[in-house]
N, C-alpha and C. Protein backbone atom coordinates (compact mmCIF):
# COMPACT_ATOMS: atom_id res chain seq x y z
N MET A 1 235.54 52.86 58.65
CA MET A 1 235.15 51.71 57.88
C MET A 1 233.82 51.21 58.41
N GLU A 2 233.00 50.68 57.53
CA GLU A 2 231.71 50.12 57.92
C GLU A 2 231.63 48.66 57.49
N ILE A 3 231.06 47.84 58.37
CA ILE A 3 230.84 46.43 58.05
C ILE A 3 229.41 46.07 58.44
N ILE A 4 228.84 45.12 57.71
CA ILE A 4 227.48 44.64 58.00
C ILE A 4 227.53 43.12 58.01
N GLY A 5 226.93 42.54 59.04
CA GLY A 5 226.89 41.09 59.15
C GLY A 5 225.92 40.66 60.22
N ARG A 6 225.82 39.35 60.41
CA ARG A 6 224.94 38.78 61.43
C ARG A 6 225.78 38.30 62.61
N THR A 7 225.25 38.55 63.82
CA THR A 7 225.95 38.10 65.01
C THR A 7 225.94 36.58 65.06
N THR A 8 227.06 36.00 65.47
CA THR A 8 227.20 34.54 65.50
C THR A 8 226.78 33.95 66.84
N ALA A 9 226.68 34.79 67.86
CA ALA A 9 226.26 34.35 69.20
C ALA A 9 225.80 35.59 69.96
N ASP A 10 225.20 35.39 71.12
CA ASP A 10 224.81 36.52 71.96
C ASP A 10 226.05 37.27 72.42
N ALA A 11 225.95 38.60 72.48
CA ALA A 11 227.05 39.43 72.93
C ALA A 11 227.35 39.18 74.41
N VAL A 12 228.61 39.40 74.78
CA VAL A 12 229.06 39.21 76.15
C VAL A 12 229.64 40.53 76.65
N VAL A 13 229.27 40.91 77.87
CA VAL A 13 229.82 42.12 78.48
C VAL A 13 230.94 41.71 79.42
N ASN A 14 232.13 42.24 79.19
CA ASN A 14 233.28 42.00 80.06
C ASN A 14 233.66 43.30 80.73
N GLU A 15 234.37 43.18 81.84
CA GLU A 15 234.80 44.36 82.57
C GLU A 15 236.32 44.32 82.75
N THR A 16 236.96 45.47 82.50
CA THR A 16 238.41 45.56 82.67
C THR A 16 238.74 45.68 84.15
N LYS A 17 240.01 45.58 84.49
CA LYS A 17 240.44 45.74 85.88
C LYS A 17 240.11 47.13 86.40
N ALA A 18 240.05 48.10 85.50
CA ALA A 18 239.74 49.48 85.88
C ALA A 18 238.23 49.72 86.02
N GLY A 19 237.41 48.71 85.75
CA GLY A 19 235.97 48.84 85.89
C GLY A 19 235.23 49.28 84.64
N LYS A 20 235.93 49.45 83.53
CA LYS A 20 235.31 49.86 82.27
C LYS A 20 234.66 48.63 81.62
N LYS A 21 233.42 48.79 81.14
CA LYS A 21 232.70 47.67 80.51
C LYS A 21 232.88 47.71 79.00
N VAL A 22 233.01 46.52 78.41
CA VAL A 22 233.15 46.39 76.96
C VAL A 22 232.22 45.27 76.49
N VAL A 23 231.53 45.53 75.38
CA VAL A 23 230.65 44.53 74.77
C VAL A 23 231.45 43.82 73.68
N ASN A 24 231.58 42.51 73.80
CA ASN A 24 232.29 41.71 72.80
C ASN A 24 231.29 40.83 72.06
N PHE A 25 231.39 40.82 70.74
CA PHE A 25 230.53 39.99 69.91
C PHE A 25 231.25 39.68 68.62
N SER A 26 230.76 38.69 67.91
CA SER A 26 231.36 38.29 66.64
C SER A 26 230.30 38.34 65.57
N ILE A 27 230.69 38.79 64.38
CA ILE A 27 229.74 38.80 63.26
C ILE A 27 230.32 38.01 62.09
N ALA A 28 229.40 37.48 61.29
CA ALA A 28 229.76 36.78 60.07
C ALA A 28 229.32 37.64 58.89
N ILE A 29 230.26 37.89 58.00
CA ILE A 29 229.97 38.68 56.80
C ILE A 29 229.93 37.71 55.62
N ASN A 30 228.76 37.60 54.98
CA ASN A 30 228.57 36.69 53.86
C ASN A 30 228.79 37.42 52.54
N ASP A 31 229.47 36.75 51.64
CA ASP A 31 229.74 37.32 50.32
C ASP A 31 229.64 36.20 49.28
N THR A 32 229.19 36.54 48.09
CA THR A 32 229.16 35.58 46.99
C THR A 32 229.82 36.20 45.77
N TYR A 33 230.40 35.34 44.93
CA TYR A 33 231.05 35.81 43.72
C TYR A 33 231.13 34.66 42.71
N LYS A 34 231.34 35.03 41.46
CA LYS A 34 231.57 34.04 40.41
C LYS A 34 233.00 34.20 39.91
N THR A 35 233.69 33.08 39.76
CA THR A 35 235.04 33.14 39.22
C THR A 35 234.97 33.39 37.72
N LYS A 36 236.02 33.97 37.18
CA LYS A 36 236.06 34.30 35.76
C LYS A 36 235.94 33.02 34.91
N GLY A 37 235.03 33.05 33.97
CA GLY A 37 234.83 31.92 33.07
C GLY A 37 233.96 30.82 33.65
N SER A 38 233.32 31.06 34.79
CA SER A 38 232.48 30.05 35.42
C SER A 38 231.15 30.68 35.83
N ASN A 39 230.11 29.88 35.79
CA ASN A 39 228.81 30.34 36.26
C ASN A 39 228.52 29.86 37.68
N GLU A 40 229.46 29.13 38.25
CA GLU A 40 229.27 28.60 39.60
C GLU A 40 229.47 29.71 40.63
N VAL A 41 228.49 29.85 41.51
CA VAL A 41 228.55 30.88 42.55
C VAL A 41 229.36 30.35 43.74
N GLN A 42 230.35 31.11 44.14
CA GLN A 42 231.20 30.77 45.28
C GLN A 42 230.70 31.56 46.49
N LYS A 43 230.67 30.93 47.65
CA LYS A 43 230.27 31.61 48.88
C LYS A 43 231.48 31.76 49.78
N LEU A 44 231.59 32.94 50.37
CA LEU A 44 232.71 33.25 51.26
C LEU A 44 232.16 33.87 52.54
N VAL A 45 232.56 33.35 53.69
CA VAL A 45 232.14 33.89 54.97
C VAL A 45 233.38 34.37 55.71
N THR A 46 233.33 35.62 56.18
CA THR A 46 234.43 36.20 56.95
C THR A 46 233.91 36.49 58.35
N TYR A 47 234.63 35.99 59.36
CA TYR A 47 234.24 36.22 60.75
C TYR A 47 235.09 37.33 61.33
N VAL A 48 234.43 38.24 62.07
CA VAL A 48 235.12 39.39 62.65
C VAL A 48 234.73 39.49 64.12
N ASN A 49 235.72 39.55 65.02
CA ASN A 49 235.48 39.77 66.44
C ASN A 49 235.37 41.27 66.68
N CYS A 50 234.26 41.70 67.29
CA CYS A 50 233.99 43.12 67.49
C CYS A 50 233.97 43.47 68.97
N SER A 51 234.32 44.72 69.25
CA SER A 51 234.20 45.25 70.61
C SER A 51 233.57 46.64 70.53
N TYR A 52 232.76 46.95 71.57
CA TYR A 52 232.06 48.22 71.63
C TYR A 52 232.18 48.73 73.07
N TRP A 53 232.79 49.88 73.25
CA TRP A 53 233.12 50.40 74.57
C TRP A 53 232.18 51.49 75.07
N LEU A 54 231.27 52.00 74.26
CA LEU A 54 230.52 53.20 74.62
C LEU A 54 229.33 52.97 75.53
N ASN A 55 228.61 51.86 75.39
CA ASN A 55 227.42 51.62 76.20
C ASN A 55 227.16 50.12 76.28
N ALA A 56 227.35 49.55 77.44
CA ALA A 56 227.19 48.10 77.63
C ALA A 56 225.74 47.65 77.50
N ALA A 57 224.78 48.56 77.61
CA ALA A 57 223.36 48.20 77.54
C ALA A 57 222.96 47.64 76.17
N VAL A 58 223.73 47.95 75.14
CA VAL A 58 223.40 47.46 73.79
C VAL A 58 223.56 45.94 73.70
N ALA A 59 224.25 45.32 74.63
CA ALA A 59 224.49 43.88 74.58
C ALA A 59 223.20 43.08 74.58
N SER A 60 222.15 43.56 75.26
CA SER A 60 220.90 42.81 75.30
C SER A 60 220.22 42.73 73.94
N TYR A 61 220.56 43.62 73.03
CA TYR A 61 219.99 43.62 71.69
C TYR A 61 220.85 42.84 70.69
N LEU A 62 222.08 42.58 71.03
CA LEU A 62 222.99 41.86 70.13
C LEU A 62 222.91 40.37 70.39
N THR A 63 221.81 39.77 69.97
CA THR A 63 221.60 38.34 70.14
C THR A 63 221.94 37.61 68.85
N LYS A 64 222.12 36.32 68.96
CA LYS A 64 222.50 35.51 67.81
C LYS A 64 221.56 35.73 66.63
N GLY A 65 222.12 36.03 65.47
CA GLY A 65 221.34 36.19 64.24
C GLY A 65 220.95 37.62 63.92
N THR A 66 221.22 38.56 64.82
CA THR A 66 220.85 39.95 64.57
C THR A 66 221.70 40.54 63.45
N LEU A 67 221.07 41.19 62.50
CA LEU A 67 221.79 41.89 61.44
C LEU A 67 222.24 43.22 62.00
N VAL A 68 223.54 43.46 61.98
CA VAL A 68 224.11 44.65 62.61
C VAL A 68 225.07 45.35 61.66
N GLU A 69 225.02 46.67 61.69
CA GLU A 69 225.92 47.51 60.89
C GLU A 69 226.82 48.25 61.88
N CYS A 70 228.13 48.12 61.69
CA CYS A 70 229.09 48.73 62.60
C CYS A 70 230.01 49.68 61.84
N ALA A 71 230.30 50.81 62.46
CA ALA A 71 231.29 51.75 61.92
C ALA A 71 232.41 51.84 62.95
N GLY A 72 233.63 51.89 62.48
CA GLY A 72 234.77 51.95 63.39
C GLY A 72 236.05 51.67 62.66
N ARG A 73 236.98 51.02 63.37
CA ARG A 73 238.28 50.73 62.75
C ARG A 73 238.60 49.24 62.84
N MET A 74 239.20 48.74 61.78
CA MET A 74 239.56 47.34 61.65
C MET A 74 240.99 47.14 62.15
N GLY A 75 241.23 45.97 62.71
CA GLY A 75 242.57 45.62 63.15
C GLY A 75 242.77 44.12 62.97
N VAL A 76 243.95 43.66 63.32
CA VAL A 76 244.25 42.24 63.25
C VAL A 76 245.14 41.86 64.43
N ASN A 77 244.86 40.71 65.01
CA ASN A 77 245.72 40.15 66.05
C ASN A 77 246.38 38.92 65.46
N ALA A 78 247.70 38.89 65.50
CA ALA A 78 248.45 37.75 64.95
C ALA A 78 249.33 37.17 66.05
N TRP A 79 249.51 35.85 66.02
CA TRP A 79 250.37 35.18 67.00
C TRP A 79 250.86 33.87 66.42
N THR A 80 251.80 33.28 67.10
CA THR A 80 252.34 31.99 66.71
C THR A 80 252.03 31.00 67.82
N THR A 81 251.48 29.84 67.47
CA THR A 81 251.13 28.83 68.46
C THR A 81 252.40 28.16 68.98
N ARG A 82 252.24 27.36 70.01
CA ARG A 82 253.39 26.62 70.58
C ARG A 82 253.99 25.65 69.56
N GLU A 83 253.15 25.22 68.63
CA GLU A 83 253.62 24.30 67.58
C GLU A 83 254.29 25.04 66.43
N GLY A 84 254.35 26.37 66.50
CA GLY A 84 255.00 27.18 65.46
C GLY A 84 254.09 27.58 64.32
N GLU A 85 252.79 27.36 64.46
CA GLU A 85 251.83 27.70 63.41
C GLU A 85 251.38 29.16 63.57
N ALA A 86 251.40 29.91 62.47
CA ALA A 86 250.97 31.31 62.50
C ALA A 86 249.44 31.37 62.48
N LYS A 87 248.87 32.19 63.34
CA LYS A 87 247.43 32.38 63.42
C LYS A 87 247.13 33.87 63.42
N ALA A 88 245.92 34.24 62.96
CA ALA A 88 245.50 35.64 62.96
C ALA A 88 243.98 35.69 63.02
N VAL A 89 243.47 36.78 63.59
CA VAL A 89 242.03 36.99 63.68
C VAL A 89 241.75 38.47 63.41
N LEU A 90 240.66 38.73 62.65
CA LEU A 90 240.25 40.11 62.39
C LEU A 90 239.52 40.66 63.61
N THR A 91 239.81 41.91 63.96
CA THR A 91 239.12 42.58 65.06
C THR A 91 238.54 43.88 64.55
N PHE A 92 237.47 44.33 65.21
CA PHE A 92 236.83 45.57 64.81
C PHE A 92 236.43 46.32 66.07
N ASN A 93 236.93 47.53 66.23
CA ASN A 93 236.58 48.38 67.35
C ASN A 93 235.48 49.32 66.88
N ALA A 94 234.23 49.00 67.25
CA ALA A 94 233.07 49.75 66.77
C ALA A 94 232.89 51.04 67.55
N SER A 95 232.64 52.12 66.82
CA SER A 95 232.31 53.39 67.45
C SER A 95 230.83 53.73 67.26
N ARG A 96 230.17 53.01 66.35
CA ARG A 96 228.73 53.20 66.11
C ARG A 96 228.13 51.87 65.71
N ILE A 97 226.97 51.55 66.28
CA ILE A 97 226.27 50.31 65.98
C ILE A 97 224.84 50.65 65.56
N LYS A 98 224.41 50.05 64.46
CA LYS A 98 223.04 50.22 63.99
C LYS A 98 222.44 48.82 63.84
N LEU A 99 221.33 48.58 64.53
CA LEU A 99 220.69 47.28 64.49
C LEU A 99 219.65 47.25 63.38
N HIS A 100 219.64 46.16 62.61
CA HIS A 100 218.67 45.99 61.54
C HIS A 100 217.68 44.87 61.82
N GLY A 101 217.79 44.25 62.99
CA GLY A 101 216.83 43.21 63.40
C GLY A 101 217.26 41.81 63.03
N GLY A 102 216.39 40.87 63.31
CA GLY A 102 216.64 39.48 62.97
C GLY A 102 216.88 38.59 64.17
N GLY A 103 217.47 39.13 65.22
CA GLY A 103 217.71 38.34 66.43
C GLY A 103 216.54 38.48 67.39
N LYS A 104 216.66 37.84 68.53
CA LYS A 104 215.61 37.92 69.55
C LYS A 104 216.16 38.69 70.74
N ALA A 105 215.53 39.82 71.05
CA ALA A 105 215.95 40.60 72.22
C ALA A 105 215.54 39.85 73.47
N LYS A 106 216.33 39.99 74.52
CA LYS A 106 216.04 39.35 75.79
C LYS A 106 215.13 40.28 76.59
N PRO A 107 213.83 39.95 76.72
CA PRO A 107 212.88 40.86 77.35
C PRO A 107 213.25 41.26 78.78
N GLU A 108 213.79 40.34 79.57
CA GLU A 108 214.11 40.67 80.96
C GLU A 108 215.23 41.68 81.07
N GLU A 109 216.09 41.78 80.05
CA GLU A 109 217.21 42.71 80.10
C GLU A 109 216.89 44.03 79.40
N MET A 110 215.89 44.05 78.53
CA MET A 110 215.60 45.26 77.77
C MET A 110 215.14 46.39 78.67
N SER A 111 214.29 46.12 79.66
CA SER A 111 213.81 47.20 80.52
C SER A 111 214.93 47.78 81.36
N SER A 112 215.83 46.95 81.88
CA SER A 112 216.95 47.47 82.67
C SER A 112 217.95 48.18 81.77
N ALA A 113 218.10 47.71 80.53
CA ALA A 113 219.02 48.37 79.60
C ALA A 113 218.53 49.76 79.26
N ALA A 114 217.23 49.94 79.06
CA ALA A 114 216.68 51.26 78.76
C ALA A 114 216.88 52.20 79.94
N THR A 115 216.70 51.70 81.15
CA THR A 115 216.90 52.52 82.34
C THR A 115 218.36 52.93 82.47
N THR A 116 219.27 51.99 82.23
CA THR A 116 220.69 52.28 82.31
C THR A 116 221.09 53.33 81.28
N THR A 117 220.57 53.20 80.07
CA THR A 117 220.89 54.16 79.03
C THR A 117 220.44 55.56 79.42
N THR A 118 219.23 55.69 79.95
CA THR A 118 218.71 56.98 80.36
C THR A 118 219.58 57.58 81.47
N THR A 119 219.94 56.76 82.44
CA THR A 119 220.76 57.23 83.55
C THR A 119 222.11 57.73 83.07
N ILE A 120 222.74 56.99 82.18
CA ILE A 120 224.05 57.38 81.65
C ILE A 120 223.93 58.68 80.86
N ALA A 121 222.90 58.79 80.03
CA ALA A 121 222.73 59.99 79.20
C ALA A 121 222.54 61.22 80.07
N VAL A 122 221.75 61.13 81.14
CA VAL A 122 221.51 62.27 82.02
C VAL A 122 222.79 62.65 82.74
N ALA A 123 223.54 61.67 83.24
CA ALA A 123 224.77 61.96 83.97
C ALA A 123 225.80 62.61 83.05
N ASP A 124 225.95 62.13 81.83
CA ASP A 124 226.92 62.68 80.90
C ASP A 124 226.54 64.08 80.46
N THR A 125 225.25 64.35 80.28
CA THR A 125 224.79 65.66 79.83
C THR A 125 225.11 66.73 80.86
N ASN A 126 224.90 66.44 82.14
CA ASN A 126 225.16 67.41 83.20
C ASN A 126 226.64 67.78 83.29
N GLU A 127 227.51 66.83 83.05
CA GLU A 127 228.94 67.10 83.14
C GLU A 127 229.46 67.95 81.99
N ASP A 128 228.77 67.95 80.86
CA ASP A 128 229.24 68.67 79.68
C ASP A 128 228.73 70.11 79.63
N LEU A 129 227.89 70.53 80.58
CA LEU A 129 227.36 71.88 80.56
C LEU A 129 228.45 72.91 80.90
N PRO A 130 228.53 74.01 80.16
CA PRO A 130 229.61 74.96 80.38
C PRO A 130 229.39 75.89 81.57
N PHE A 131 228.26 75.83 82.26
CA PHE A 131 228.01 76.74 83.39
C PHE A 131 227.73 76.01 84.66
């Protein structure tokens, strides 16, 4: 599944107990439609909490307002509050991220992010060689 939206805040990198890093961010998907028999345009915004596990360096580019296209799988987390009210939130586990711009990259983190990406790519490439 693919979704396109704007980030609602700067991405946050969290680390699991096992040391694996995950980039968490939220996007807003805007949609408009007209109801049958009316010329009035209705606006609908859907918020989706996203996670990306492949490369934490992308977090420096996922700043508030960035237009981002994500491919992956959709899920839902549902729970009941202490007051007995049912709640749910859409989640998206991204396997591919494509940035379309609009946000402001953090210059101090971009240079270290590029270095980290290069280091990871070299380390992974050497391990996959068959000889």
